[in-house]
Amino acid sequence: MLIFDPTTDPFFNLAADEFLLREVSEPVLRIWRSSPCVVVGRHQIPCVEVNVVAAFRRGVPILRRLSGGGAVYHDFGNVNFTIVAPVTKGQGIDFARMLAPIAAALNAMGVAAEYAGRGDLRLNGKKISGNSAYLWKGRVLHHGTLLYDADLDALEALLDVCVEGITGKSVRSARSVVTNLHDSDPRHGDAPGFAAAFLNKLAPLLGFDPSSAREFSPAENLRIKEIARMTYATNEWNLGASPDYSIERRDFDGHAMKFAVENGRVASVEIEGDDNLAAELRGALSGVWHEPDAIENALARVKVQYASCPPLEAFYFHFG
């Protein structure tokens, strides 16, 4: 199955990859793009990897994908690829093998891409592609990004997080210097033009006829939207699937503040030296999702009584 997908909804796009892995039996190649979003790996804590306050202010959603690995930024300047293929017993995830045809297709387009380990492709020493994978019942889901004409300022602003005082176990992202392919070779025009050219080079290397490329059918679209609604658009998945963690900091009026998050929700709040305010915060925040909109709404109720109520940023590692 060869899919050249015009849908740019990030919730749909993550659900589509799961659909292709679990509900399509044949090998798959899919080329797609997403509107601005940040996607974290299966075992990551969003606020450790992403400046969630900045994302909230910008209206950029943060999603969790099925596969592991690190956080990535998507926008219309990214061209993404998904490969679903069978694996033999004991074969496991092999990024070098899966990325060989990707690098070959890029080189055929005049891009001297090289595999750099850790699931990365680089151009002149700078990262152009991050990849992750997930094994399921003898099949591998491999998906990756290609930075073509992405907003690198937004990428840096959203993925640059200063972490302090965290207790919790999660997979951390490896930061790299990145570059856009368009900056070194603009011959393919905009991102959709590059995506079409990339498909034409990559498809034959994976045994697909480029002329067979299609969109999802109406029935497939309905099923994928259902998966998105049930999983990828939910706080239960995007936040609740995080490892538990706690944050301790001393930047709220010089007082120490500590709070714990369990299953994505605030479980406890402690503030040194102000028992009344601490009690109000516990009442307002207990059980609230640890995401900026919910936290800000809860804090608004406390601020009516306490002008010294901590700001939204105090509940994260960074200032947006």
C-alpha atoms as a PDB file:
ATOM      1  CA  MET A   1       0.000   0.000   0.000  1.00  0.00           C
ATOM      2  CA  LEU A   2       1.403   3.360  -1.060  1.00  0.00           C
ATOM      3  CA  ILE A   3      -0.230   6.389   0.584  1.00  0.00           C
ATOM      4  CA  PHE A   4       0.470   9.994  -0.402  1.00  0.00           C
ATOM      5  CA  ASP A   5      -1.569  11.651   2.284  1.00  0.00           C
ATOM      6  CA  PRO A   6      -2.781  15.290   2.083  1.00  0.00           C
ATOM      7  CA  THR A   7      -4.173  15.310   5.638  1.00  0.00           C
ATOM      8  CA  THR A   8      -2.201  17.605   7.941  1.00  0.00           C
ATOM      9  CA  ASP A   9      -4.123  17.013  11.176  1.00  0.00           C
ATOM     10  CA  PRO A  10      -1.512  15.692  13.662  1.00  0.00           C
ATOM     11  CA  PHE A  11      -4.013  13.626  15.677  1.00  0.00           C
ATOM     12  CA  PHE A  12      -5.177  11.905  12.486  1.00  0.00           C
ATOM     13  CA  ASN A  13      -1.606  11.352  11.346  1.00  0.00           C
ATOM     14  CA  LEU A  14      -0.520   9.517  14.489  1.00  0.00           C
ATOM     15  CA  ALA A  15      -3.707   7.453  14.418  1.00  0.00           C
ATOM     16  CA  ALA A  16      -3.072   6.621  10.751  1.00  0.00           C
ATOM     17  CA  ASP A  17       0.280   5.080  11.610  1.00  0.00           C
ATOM     18  CA  GLU A  18      -1.317   2.862  14.245  1.00  0.00           C
ATOM     19  CA  PHE A  19      -4.066   1.872  11.798  1.00  0.00           C
ATOM     20  CA  LEU A  20      -1.500   0.905   9.155  1.00  0.00           C
ATOM     21  CA  LEU A  21       0.440  -1.191  11.651  1.00  0.00           C
ATOM     22  CA  ARG A  22      -2.448  -3.033  13.303  1.00  0.00           C
ATOM     23  CA  GLU A  23      -5.164  -3.203  10.660  1.00  0.00           C
ATOM     24  CA  VAL A  24      -3.367  -3.441   7.295  1.00  0.00           C
ATOM     25  CA  SER A  25      -1.626  -6.727   6.521  1.00  0.00           C
ATOM     26  CA  GLU A  26       0.478  -5.662   3.508  1.00  0.00           C
ATOM     27  CA  PRO A  27       3.703  -3.603   3.511  1.00  0.00           C
ATOM     28  CA  VAL A  28       3.137   0.160   3.599  1.00  0.00           C
ATOM     29  CA  LEU A  29       4.886   3.343   2.574  1.00  0.00           C
ATOM     30  CA  ARG A  30       3.188   6.600   3.513  1.00  0.00           C
ATOM     31  CA  ILE A  31       4.351  10.175   2.905  1.00  0.00           C
ATOM     32  CA  TRP A  32       2.653  12.887   4.969  1.00  0.00           C
ATOM     33  CA  ARG A  33       2.914  16.292   6.661  1.00  0.00           C
ATOM     34  CA  SER A  34       1.421  17.805   9.827  1.00  0.00           C
ATOM     35  CA  SER A  35       0.381  21.242  10.970  1.00  0.00           C
ATOM     36  CA  PRO A  36       2.533  22.676  13.811  1.00  0.00           C
ATOM     37  CA  CYS A  37       2.751  20.301  16.777  1.00  0.00           C
ATOM     38  CA  VAL A  38       5.269  18.591  19.022  1.00  0.00           C
ATOM     39  CA  VAL A  39       5.288  14.795  19.281  1.00  0.00           C
ATOM     40  CA  VAL A  40       6.951  13.073  22.237  1.00  0.00           C
ATOM     41  CA  GLY A  41       8.047   9.467  22.439  1.00  0.00           C
ATOM     42  CA  ARG A  42       6.000   6.735  24.069  1.00  0.00           C
ATOM     43  CA  HIS A  43       7.973   6.802  27.345  1.00  0.00           C
ATOM     44  CA  GLN A  44       8.603  10.538  27.723  1.00  0.00           C
ATOM     45  CA  ILE A  45       7.278  13.226  30.079  1.00  0.00           C
ATOM     46  CA  PRO A  46       5.981  16.103  27.919  1.00  0.00           C
ATOM     47  CA  CYS A  47       7.005  18.958  30.229  1.00  0.00           C
ATOM     48  CA  VAL A  48      10.541  17.569  30.493  1.00  0.00           C
ATOM     49  CA  GLU A  49      10.988  17.535  26.714  1.00  0.00           C
ATOM     50  CA  VAL A  50       8.868  20.478  25.588  1.00  0.00           C
ATOM     51  CA  ASN A  51       8.446  24.067  26.689  1.00  0.00           C
ATOM     52  CA  VAL A  52       4.770  23.380  27.261  1.00  0.00           C
ATOM     53  CA  VAL A  53       4.007  26.942  28.360  1.00  0.00           C
ATOM     54  CA  ALA A  54       5.413  28.315  25.095  1.00  0.00           C
ATOM     55  CA  ALA A  55       3.488  25.660  23.167  1.00  0.00           C
ATOM     56  CA  PHE A  56       0.303  26.628  25.014  1.00  0.00           C
ATOM     57  CA  ARG A  57       0.821  30.328  24.255  1.00  0.00           C
ATOM     58  CA  ARG A  58       1.400  29.512  20.577  1.00  0.00           C
ATOM     59  CA  GLY A  59      -1.546  27.106  20.314  1.00  0.00           C
ATOM     60  CA  VAL A  60       0.746  24.192  19.405  1.00  0.00           C
ATOM     61  CA  PRO A  61      -0.574  20.802  20.591  1.00  0.00           C
ATOM     62  CA  ILE A  62       1.683  18.198  22.211  1.00  0.00           C
ATOM     63  CA  LEU A  63       0.968  14.579  21.333  1.00  0.00           C
ATOM     64  CA  ARG A  64       2.377  11.184  22.278  1.00  0.00           C
ATOM     65  CA  ARG A  65       3.166   8.633  19.570  1.00  0.00           C
ATOM     66  CA  LEU A  66       3.115   4.858  19.731  1.00  0.00           C
ATOM     67  CA  SER A  67       6.873   4.448  19.247  1.00  0.00           C
ATOM     68  CA  GLY A  68       9.709   5.381  21.577  1.00  0.00           C
ATOM     69  CA  GLY A  69      12.547   7.820  21.034  1.00  0.00           C
ATOM     70  CA  GLY A  70      12.729  11.569  21.499  1.00  0.00           C
ATOM     71  CA  ALA A  71      10.551  14.614  20.962  1.00  0.00           C
ATOM     72  CA  VAL A  72      10.216  16.094  17.466  1.00  0.00           C
ATOM     73  CA  TYR A  73       8.701  19.275  16.082  1.00  0.00           C
ATOM     74  CA  HIS A  74       6.381  19.091  13.075  1.00  0.00           C
ATOM     75  CA  ASP A  75       5.058  21.811  10.813  1.00  0.00           C
ATOM     76  CA  PHE A  76       4.138  22.225   7.160  1.00  0.00           C
ATOM     77  CA  GLY A  77       7.835  22.389   6.268  1.00  0.00           C
ATOM     78  CA  ASN A  78       8.439  18.845   7.511  1.00  0.00           C
ATOM     79  CA  VAL A  79       8.045  15.882   5.169  1.00  0.00           C
ATOM     80  CA  ASN A  80       7.380  12.685   7.108  1.00  0.00           C
ATOM     81  CA  PHE A  81       7.530   9.061   6.062  1.00  0.00           C
ATOM     82  CA  THR A  82       6.071   5.884   7.507  1.00  0.00           C
ATOM     83  CA  ILE A  83       7.173   2.372   6.590  1.00  0.00           C
ATOM     84  CA  VAL A  84       5.384  -0.720   7.851  1.00  0.00           C
ATOM     85  CA  ALA A  85       7.088  -3.999   7.004  1.00  0.00           C
ATOM     86  CA  PRO A  86       7.352  -7.570   8.271  1.00  0.00           C
ATOM     87  CA  VAL A  87      10.293  -8.556  10.461  1.00  0.00           C
ATOM     88  CA  THR A  88      11.655 -12.020  11.015  1.00  0.00           C
ATOM     89  CA  LYS A  89      11.681 -13.507  14.493  1.00  0.00           C
ATOM     90  CA  GLY A  90      14.534 -12.083  16.527  1.00  0.00           C
ATOM     91  CA  GLN A  91      15.316  -9.387  13.954  1.00  0.00           C
ATOM     92  CA  GLY A  92      14.235  -6.479  16.111  1.00  0.00           C
ATOM     93  CA  ILE A  93      14.548  -2.796  15.250  1.00  0.00           C
ATOM     94  CA  ASP A  94      17.381  -2.017  12.845  1.00  0.00           C
ATOM     95  CA  PHE A  95      17.573   1.705  12.052  1.00  0.00           C
ATOM     96  CA  ALA A  96      20.579   1.303   9.753  1.00  0.00           C
ATOM     97  CA  ARG A  97      18.673  -1.186   7.582  1.00  0.00           C
ATOM     98  CA  MET A  98      15.446   0.805   7.525  1.00  0.00           C
ATOM     99  CA  LEU A  99      17.180   4.109   6.771  1.00  0.00           C
ATOM    100  CA  ALA A 100      19.374   2.771   3.959  1.00  0.00           C
ATOM    101  CA  PRO A 101      16.664   3.285   1.288  1.00  0.00           C
ATOM    102  CA  ILE A 102      15.768   6.698   2.756  1.00  0.00           C
ATOM    103  CA  ALA A 103      19.384   7.841   2.420  1.00  0.00           C
ATOM    104  CA  ALA A 104      19.608   6.292  -1.057  1.00  0.00           C
ATOM    105  CA  ALA A 105      16.483   8.144  -2.223  1.00  0.00           C
ATOM    106  CA  LEU A 106      17.811  11.438  -0.847  1.00  0.00           C
ATOM    107  CA  ASN A 107      21.191  10.899  -2.482  1.00  0.00           C
ATOM    108  CA  ALA A 108      19.432  10.214  -5.793  1.00  0.00           C
ATOM    109  CA  MET A 109      17.804  13.646  -5.334  1.00  0.00           C
ATOM    110  CA  GLY A 110      21.200  15.280  -4.824  1.00  0.00           C
ATOM    111  CA  VAL A 111      21.106  15.313  -1.006  1.00  0.00           C
ATOM    112  CA  ALA A 112      24.257  13.753   0.487  1.00  0.00           C
ATOM    113  CA  ALA A 113      22.461  12.255   3.495  1.00  0.00           C
ATOM    114  CA  GLU A 114      24.368   9.928   5.798  1.00  0.00           C
ATOM    115  CA  TYR A 115      23.249   7.613   8.576  1.00  0.00           C
ATOM    116  CA  ALA A 116      24.680   8.900  11.859  1.00  0.00           C
ATOM    117  CA  GLY A 117      23.455   6.266  14.323  1.00  0.00           C
ATOM    118  CA  ARG A 118      20.695   6.612  16.929  1.00  0.00           C
ATOM    119  CA  GLY A 119      18.123   6.696  14.134  1.00  0.00           C
ATOM    120  CA  ASP A 120      19.406  10.000  12.697  1.00  0.00           C
ATOM    121  CA  LEU A 121      20.254  11.117   9.174  1.00  0.00           C
ATOM    122  CA  ARG A 122      22.637  14.043   8.779  1.00  0.00           C
ATOM    123  CA  LEU A 123      23.702  16.435   6.052  1.00  0.00           C
ATOM    124  CA  ASN A 124      27.141  18.015   6.432  1.00  0.00           C
ATOM    125  CA  GLY A 125      27.149  16.961  10.067  1.00  0.00           C
ATOM    126  CA  LYS A 126      23.755  18.476  10.891  1.00  0.00           C
ATOM    127  CA  LYS A 127      20.614  16.479  11.638  1.00  0.00           C
ATOM    128  CA  ILE A 128      17.915  16.414   8.960  1.00  0.00           C
ATOM    129  CA  SER A 129      15.924  13.371  10.078  1.00  0.00           C
ATOM    130  CA  GLY A 130      14.892  11.803  13.383  1.00  0.00           C
ATOM    131  CA  ASN A 131      13.343   8.333  13.441  1.00  0.00           C
ATOM    132  CA  SER A 132      11.617   5.937  15.798  1.00  0.00           C
ATOM    133  CA  ALA A 133      10.110   2.481  15.536  1.00  0.00           C
ATOM    134  CA  TYR A 134       7.707   0.084  17.210  1.00  0.00           C
ATOM    135  CA  LEU A 135       7.449  -3.710  16.916  1.00  0.00           C
ATOM    136  CA  TRP A 136       4.076  -5.448  16.924  1.00  0.00           C
ATOM    137  CA  LYS A 137       3.273  -9.063  16.062  1.00  0.00           C
ATOM    138  CA  GLY A 138       6.006  -9.627  13.505  1.00  0.00           C
ATOM    139  CA  ARG A 139       5.711  -6.171  11.943  1.00  0.00           C
ATOM    140  CA  VAL A 140       7.680  -2.983  12.421  1.00  0.00           C
ATOM    141  CA  LEU A 141       6.314   0.540  12.291  1.00  0.00           C
ATOM    142  CA  HIS A 142       9.127   2.885  11.317  1.00  0.00           C
ATOM    143  CA  HIS A 143       8.425   6.598  10.973  1.00  0.00           C
ATOM    144  CA  GLY A 144      10.689   9.579  10.532  1.00  0.00           C
ATOM    145  CA  THR A 145      10.864  13.286   9.839  1.00  0.00           C
ATOM    146  CA  LEU A 146      12.703  15.179   7.128  1.00  0.00           C
ATOM    147  CA  LEU A 147      13.413  18.822   7.876  1.00  0.00           C
ATOM    148  CA  TYR A 148      12.837  20.463   4.501  1.00  0.00           C
ATOM    149  CA  ASP A 149      11.648  24.011   5.158  1.00  0.00           C
ATOM    150  CA  ALA A 150      10.585  23.864   8.811  1.00  0.00           C
ATOM    151  CA  ASP A 151      10.468  26.826  11.193  1.00  0.00           C
ATOM    152  CA  LEU A 152      13.706  26.156  13.044  1.00  0.00           C
ATOM    153  CA  ASP A 153      13.173  29.104  15.379  1.00  0.00           C
ATOM    154  CA  ALA A 154       9.908  27.535  16.556  1.00  0.00           C
ATOM    155  CA  LEU A 155      11.618  24.154  16.851  1.00  0.00           C
ATOM    156  CA  GLU A 156      14.316  25.631  19.078  1.00  0.00           C
ATOM    157  CA  ALA A 157      11.856  27.614  21.194  1.00  0.00           C
ATOM    158  CA  LEU A 158       9.610  24.634  21.851  1.00  0.00           C
ATOM    159  CA  LEU A 159      12.256  21.960  22.401  1.00  0.00           C
ATOM    160  CA  ASP A 160      14.703  24.063  24.442  1.00  0.00           C
ATOM    161  CA  VAL A 161      13.860  23.142  28.047  1.00  0.00           C
ATOM    162  CA  CYS A 162      15.896  23.910  31.151  1.00  0.00           C
ATOM    163  CA  VAL A 163      15.068  21.097  33.554  1.00  0.00           C
ATOM    164  CA  GLU A 164      15.652  21.522  37.263  1.00  0.00           C
ATOM    165  CA  GLY A 165      14.506  19.670  40.340  1.00  0.00           C
ATOM    166  CA  ILE A 166      12.737  16.767  38.634  1.00  0.00           C
ATOM    167  CA  THR A 167      12.342  13.330  40.127  1.00  0.00           C
ATOM    168  CA  GLY A 168      11.032  10.779  37.668  1.00  0.00           C
ATOM    169  CA  LYS A 169      12.149   8.137  35.177  1.00  0.00           C
ATOM    170  CA  SER A 170      11.685   8.840  31.478  1.00  0.00           C
ATOM    171  CA  VAL A 171      13.504   8.583  28.152  1.00  0.00           C
ATOM    172  CA  ARG A 172      15.283  11.888  27.428  1.00  0.00           C
ATOM    173  CA  SER A 173      15.683  13.361  23.962  1.00  0.00           C
ATOM    174  CA  ALA A 174      19.154  13.800  22.502  1.00  0.00           C
ATOM    175  CA  ARG A 175      19.596  17.385  21.279  1.00  0.00           C
ATOM    176  CA  SER A 176      21.327  17.961  17.943  1.00  0.00           C
ATOM    177  CA  VAL A 177      22.203  20.818  15.618  1.00  0.00           C
ATOM    178  CA  VAL A 178      19.663  20.728  12.795  1.00  0.00           C
ATOM    179  CA  THR A 179      19.343  22.140   9.291  1.00  0.00           C
ATOM    180  CA  ASN A 180      16.729  22.399   6.560  1.00  0.00           C
ATOM    181  CA  LEU A 181      17.270  20.585   3.261  1.00  0.00           C
ATOM    182  CA  HIS A 182      15.799  23.543   1.391  1.00  0.00           C
ATOM    183  CA  ASP A 183      18.624  25.763   2.620  1.00  0.00           C
ATOM    184  CA  SER A 184      21.230  23.689   0.790  1.00  0.00           C
ATOM    185  CA  ASP A 185      19.137  22.579  -2.207  1.00  0.00           C
ATOM    186  CA  PRO A 186      15.959  24.539  -3.037  1.00  0.00           C
ATOM    187  CA  ARG A 187      15.486  22.967  -6.474  1.00  0.00           C
ATOM    188  CA  HIS A 188      12.338  21.051  -5.419  1.00  0.00           C
ATOM    189  CA  GLY A 189      10.465  24.213  -4.437  1.00  0.00           C
ATOM    190  CA  ASP A 190       8.037  23.963  -1.529  1.00  0.00           C
ATOM    191  CA  ALA A 191       7.526  21.050   0.864  1.00  0.00           C
ATOM    192  CA  PRO A 192       4.690  19.404  -1.150  1.00  0.00           C
ATOM    193  CA  GLY A 193       6.918  19.479  -4.240  1.00  0.00           C
ATOM    194  CA  PHE A 194       9.782  17.915  -2.332  1.00  0.00           C
ATOM    195  CA  ALA A 195       7.427  15.288  -0.864  1.00  0.00           C
ATOM    196  CA  ALA A 196       6.266  14.241  -4.347  1.00  0.00           C
ATOM    197  CA  ALA A 197       9.832  14.008  -5.641  1.00  0.00           C
ATOM    198  CA  PHE A 198      10.912  12.049  -2.564  1.00  0.00           C
ATOM    199  CA  LEU A 199       8.056   9.563  -3.019  1.00  0.00           C
ATOM    200  CA  ASN A 200       9.027   9.012  -6.666  1.00  0.00           C
ATOM    201  CA  LYS A 201      12.598   8.158  -5.664  1.00  0.00           C
ATOM    202  CA  LEU A 202      11.848   6.144  -2.530  1.00  0.00           C
ATOM    203  CA  ALA A 203       8.860   4.055  -3.650  1.00  0.00           C
ATOM    204  CA  PRO A 204      10.748   1.896  -6.211  1.00  0.00           C
ATOM    205  CA  LEU A 205      13.490   1.182  -3.668  1.00  0.00           C
ATOM    206  CA  LEU A 206      10.828  -0.377  -1.419  1.00  0.00           C
ATOM    207  CA  GLY A 207       9.058  -2.274  -4.194  1.00  0.00           C
ATOM    208  CA  PHE A 208       6.203   0.173  -4.831  1.00  0.00           C
ATOM    209  CA  ASP A 209       5.057   1.665  -8.130  1.00  0.00           C
ATOM    210  CA  PRO A 210       4.899   5.456  -7.631  1.00  0.00           C
ATOM    211  CA  SER A 211       1.853   5.629  -9.913  1.00  0.00           C
ATOM    212  CA  SER A 212      -0.103   3.480  -7.423  1.00  0.00           C
ATOM    213  CA  ALA A 213       0.005   6.168  -4.725  1.00  0.00           C
ATOM    214  CA  ARG A 214      -3.411   6.995  -3.277  1.00  0.00           C
ATOM    215  CA  GLU A 215      -5.152   8.730  -0.402  1.00  0.00           C
ATOM    216  CA  PHE A 216      -7.030   6.931   2.350  1.00  0.00           C
ATOM    217  CA  SER A 217     -10.488   5.722   1.366  1.00  0.00           C
ATOM    218  CA  PRO A 218     -13.606   7.153   3.077  1.00  0.00           C
ATOM    219  CA  ALA A 219     -13.906   3.982   5.179  1.00  0.00           C
ATOM    220  CA  GLU A 220     -10.235   4.137   6.164  1.00  0.00           C
ATOM    221  CA  ASN A 221     -10.601   7.802   7.048  1.00  0.00           C
ATOM    222  CA  LEU A 222     -13.516   7.065   9.363  1.00  0.00           C
ATOM    223  CA  ARG A 223     -11.619   4.308  11.136  1.00  0.00           C
ATOM    224  CA  ILE A 224      -8.505   6.458  11.569  1.00  0.00           C
ATOM    225  CA  LYS A 225     -10.570   9.352  12.947  1.00  0.00           C
ATOM    226  CA  GLU A 226     -12.077   6.941  15.466  1.00  0.00           C
ATOM    227  CA  ILE A 227      -8.605   5.853  16.627  1.00  0.00           C
ATOM    228  CA  ALA A 228      -7.568   9.509  16.899  1.00  0.00           C
ATOM    229  CA  ARG A 229     -10.642  10.368  18.959  1.00  0.00           C
ATOM    230  CA  MET A 230     -10.232   7.381  21.278  1.00  0.00           C
ATOM    231  CA  THR A 231      -6.472   7.725  21.836  1.00  0.00           C
ATOM    232  CA  TYR A 232      -4.374  10.476  20.296  1.00  0.00           C
ATOM    233  CA  ALA A 233      -6.731  13.364  21.071  1.00  0.00           C
ATOM    234  CA  THR A 234      -7.079  12.372  24.742  1.00  0.00           C
ATOM    235  CA  ASN A 235      -5.304  13.558  27.878  1.00  0.00           C
ATOM    236  CA  GLU A 236      -5.401   9.957  29.097  1.00  0.00           C
ATOM    237  CA  TRP A 237      -2.893   9.064  26.370  1.00  0.00           C
ATOM    238  CA  ASN A 238      -0.921  12.271  25.824  1.00  0.00           C
ATOM    239  CA  LEU A 239      -0.502  13.025  29.557  1.00  0.00           C
ATOM    240  CA  GLY A 240      -1.691   9.990  31.481  1.00  0.00           C
ATOM    241  CA  ALA A 241       0.747   7.607  29.795  1.00  0.00           C
ATOM    242  CA  SER A 242       3.714   9.543  31.243  1.00  0.00           C
ATOM    243  CA  PRO A 243       5.840   8.090  34.006  1.00  0.00           C
ATOM    244  CA  ASP A 244       5.016   9.672  37.382  1.00  0.00           C
ATOM    245  CA  TYR A 245       7.237  12.585  38.412  1.00  0.00           C
ATOM    246  CA  SER A 246       7.660  15.409  40.894  1.00  0.00           C
ATOM    247  CA  ILE A 247       9.052  18.928  40.595  1.00  0.00           C
ATOM    248  CA  GLU A 248      10.792  20.886  43.337  1.00  0.00           C
ATOM    249  CA  ARG A 249      11.803  24.511  42.838  1.00  0.00           C
ATOM    250  CA  ARG A 250      12.613  27.674  44.810  1.00  0.00           C
ATOM    251  CA  ASP A 251      11.661  30.484  42.456  1.00  0.00           C
ATOM    252  CA  PHE A 252       8.221  31.327  43.887  1.00  0.00           C
ATOM    253  CA  ASP A 253       8.806  34.403  46.116  1.00  0.00           C
ATOM    254  CA  GLY A 254      11.917  32.678  47.442  1.00  0.00           C
ATOM    255  CA  HIS A 255       9.833  29.847  48.899  1.00  0.00           C
ATOM    256  CA  ALA A 256      10.327  26.199  48.109  1.00  0.00           C
ATOM    257  CA  MET A 257       7.467  24.583  46.252  1.00  0.00           C
ATOM    258  CA  LYS A 258       7.086  20.917  45.435  1.00  0.00           C
ATOM    259  CA  PHE A 259       4.350  19.062  43.638  1.00  0.00           C
ATOM    260  CA  ALA A 260       3.886  15.546  42.341  1.00  0.00           C
ATOM    261  CA  VAL A 261       2.168  14.309  39.187  1.00  0.00           C
ATOM    262  CA  GLU A 262       0.709  10.827  38.911  1.00  0.00           C
ATOM    263  CA  ASN A 263      -0.897   9.447  35.770  1.00  0.00           C
ATOM    264  CA  GLY A 264      -0.667  12.924  34.262  1.00  0.00           C
ATOM    265  CA  ARG A 265      -2.622  14.650  37.069  1.00  0.00           C
ATOM    266  CA  VAL A 266      -1.446  16.797  39.977  1.00  0.00           C
ATOM    267  CA  ALA A 267      -1.406  14.566  43.043  1.00  0.00           C
ATOM    268  CA  SER A 268       0.075  16.841  45.724  1.00  0.00           C
ATOM    269  CA  VAL A 269       1.253  20.428  46.277  1.00  0.00           C
ATOM    270  CA  GLU A 270       3.521  21.695  49.077  1.00  0.00           C
ATOM    271  CA  ILE A 271       4.614  25.304  49.685  1.00  0.00           C
ATOM    272  CA  GLU A 272       7.091  26.254  52.374  1.00  0.00           C
ATOM    273  CA  GLY A 273       5.844  28.798  54.906  1.00  0.00           C
ATOM    274  CA  ASP A 274       2.293  29.487  53.715  1.00  0.00           C
ATOM    275  CA  ASP A 275      -0.066  26.785  54.907  1.00  0.00           C
ATOM    276  CA  ASN A 276      -3.244  28.620  53.886  1.00  0.00           C
ATOM    277  CA  LEU A 277      -2.116  29.203  50.308  1.00  0.00           C
ATOM    278  CA  ALA A 278      -0.837  25.635  50.110  1.00  0.00           C
ATOM    279  CA  ALA A 279      -4.233  24.350  51.221  1.00  0.00           C
ATOM    280  CA  GLU A 280      -6.014  26.467  48.618  1.00  0.00           C
ATOM    281  CA  LEU A 281      -3.671  25.248  45.892  1.00  0.00           C
ATOM    282  CA  ARG A 282      -4.118  21.630  46.918  1.00  0.00           C
ATOM    283  CA  GLY A 283      -7.880  22.046  46.740  1.00  0.00           C
ATOM    284  CA  ALA A 284      -7.781  23.769  43.355  1.00  0.00           C
ATOM    285  CA  LEU A 285      -5.141  21.600  41.702  1.00  0.00           C
ATOM    286  CA  SER A 286      -5.778  18.133  43.121  1.00  0.00           C
ATOM    287  CA  GLY A 287      -6.621  15.775  40.280  1.00  0.00           C
ATOM    288  CA  VAL A 288      -6.140  18.456  37.593  1.00  0.00           C
ATOM    289  CA  TRP A 289      -4.296  17.480  34.411  1.00  0.00           C
ATOM    290  CA  HIS A 290      -0.752  18.822  34.449  1.00  0.00           C
ATOM    291  CA  GLU A 291      -1.198  20.876  31.307  1.00  0.00           C
ATOM    292  CA  PRO A 292      -1.188  24.676  31.056  1.00  0.00           C
ATOM    293  CA  ASP A 293      -4.849  25.298  30.258  1.00  0.00           C
ATOM    294  CA  ALA A 294      -6.116  23.229  33.188  1.00  0.00           C
ATOM    295  CA  ILE A 295      -3.474  24.600  35.576  1.00  0.00           C
ATOM    296  CA  GLU A 296      -4.155  28.197  34.579  1.00  0.00           C
ATOM    297  CA  ASN A 297      -7.915  27.759  35.080  1.00  0.00           C
ATOM    298  CA  ALA A 298      -7.324  26.266  38.536  1.00  0.00           C
ATOM    299  CA  LEU A 299      -4.906  29.033  39.526  1.00  0.00           C
ATOM    300  CA  ALA A 300      -7.395  31.724  38.458  1.00  0.00           C
ATOM    301  CA  ARG A 301      -9.713  30.630  41.273  1.00  0.00           C
ATOM    302  CA  VAL A 302      -6.922  30.873  43.855  1.00  0.00           C
ATOM    303  CA  LYS A 303      -5.752  34.286  42.650  1.00  0.00           C
ATOM    304  CA  VAL A 304      -9.135  35.753  43.616  1.00  0.00           C
ATOM    305  CA  GLN A 305      -8.139  35.288  47.283  1.00  0.00           C
ATOM    306  CA  TYR A 306      -4.325  35.284  47.128  1.00  0.00           C
ATOM    307  CA  ALA A 307      -2.410  37.883  45.155  1.00  0.00           C
ATOM    308  CA  SER A 308       0.726  35.873  45.962  1.00  0.00           C
ATOM    309  CA  CYS A 309      -0.572  32.832  44.082  1.00  0.00           C
ATOM    310  CA  PRO A 310       2.267  31.404  41.972  1.00  0.00           C
ATOM    311  CA  PRO A 311       2.122  31.989  38.204  1.00  0.00           C
ATOM    312  CA  LEU A 312       1.546  29.239  35.659  1.00  0.00           C
ATOM    313  CA  GLU A 313       5.265  29.072  34.878  1.00  0.00           C
ATOM    314  CA  ALA A 314       6.042  28.078  38.469  1.00  0.00           C
ATOM    315  CA  PHE A 315       4.482  24.687  37.767  1.00  0.00           C
ATOM    316  CA  TYR A 316       6.962  23.917  34.993  1.00  0.00           C
ATOM    317  CA  PHE A 317      10.714  23.925  34.492  1.00  0.00           C
ATOM    318  CA  HIS A 318      10.807  26.855  32.144  1.00  0.00           C
ATOM    319  CA  PHE A 319       9.386  30.283  31.501  1.00  0.00           C
ATOM    320  CA  GLY A 320       7.377  30.861  28.326  1.00  0.00           C
END
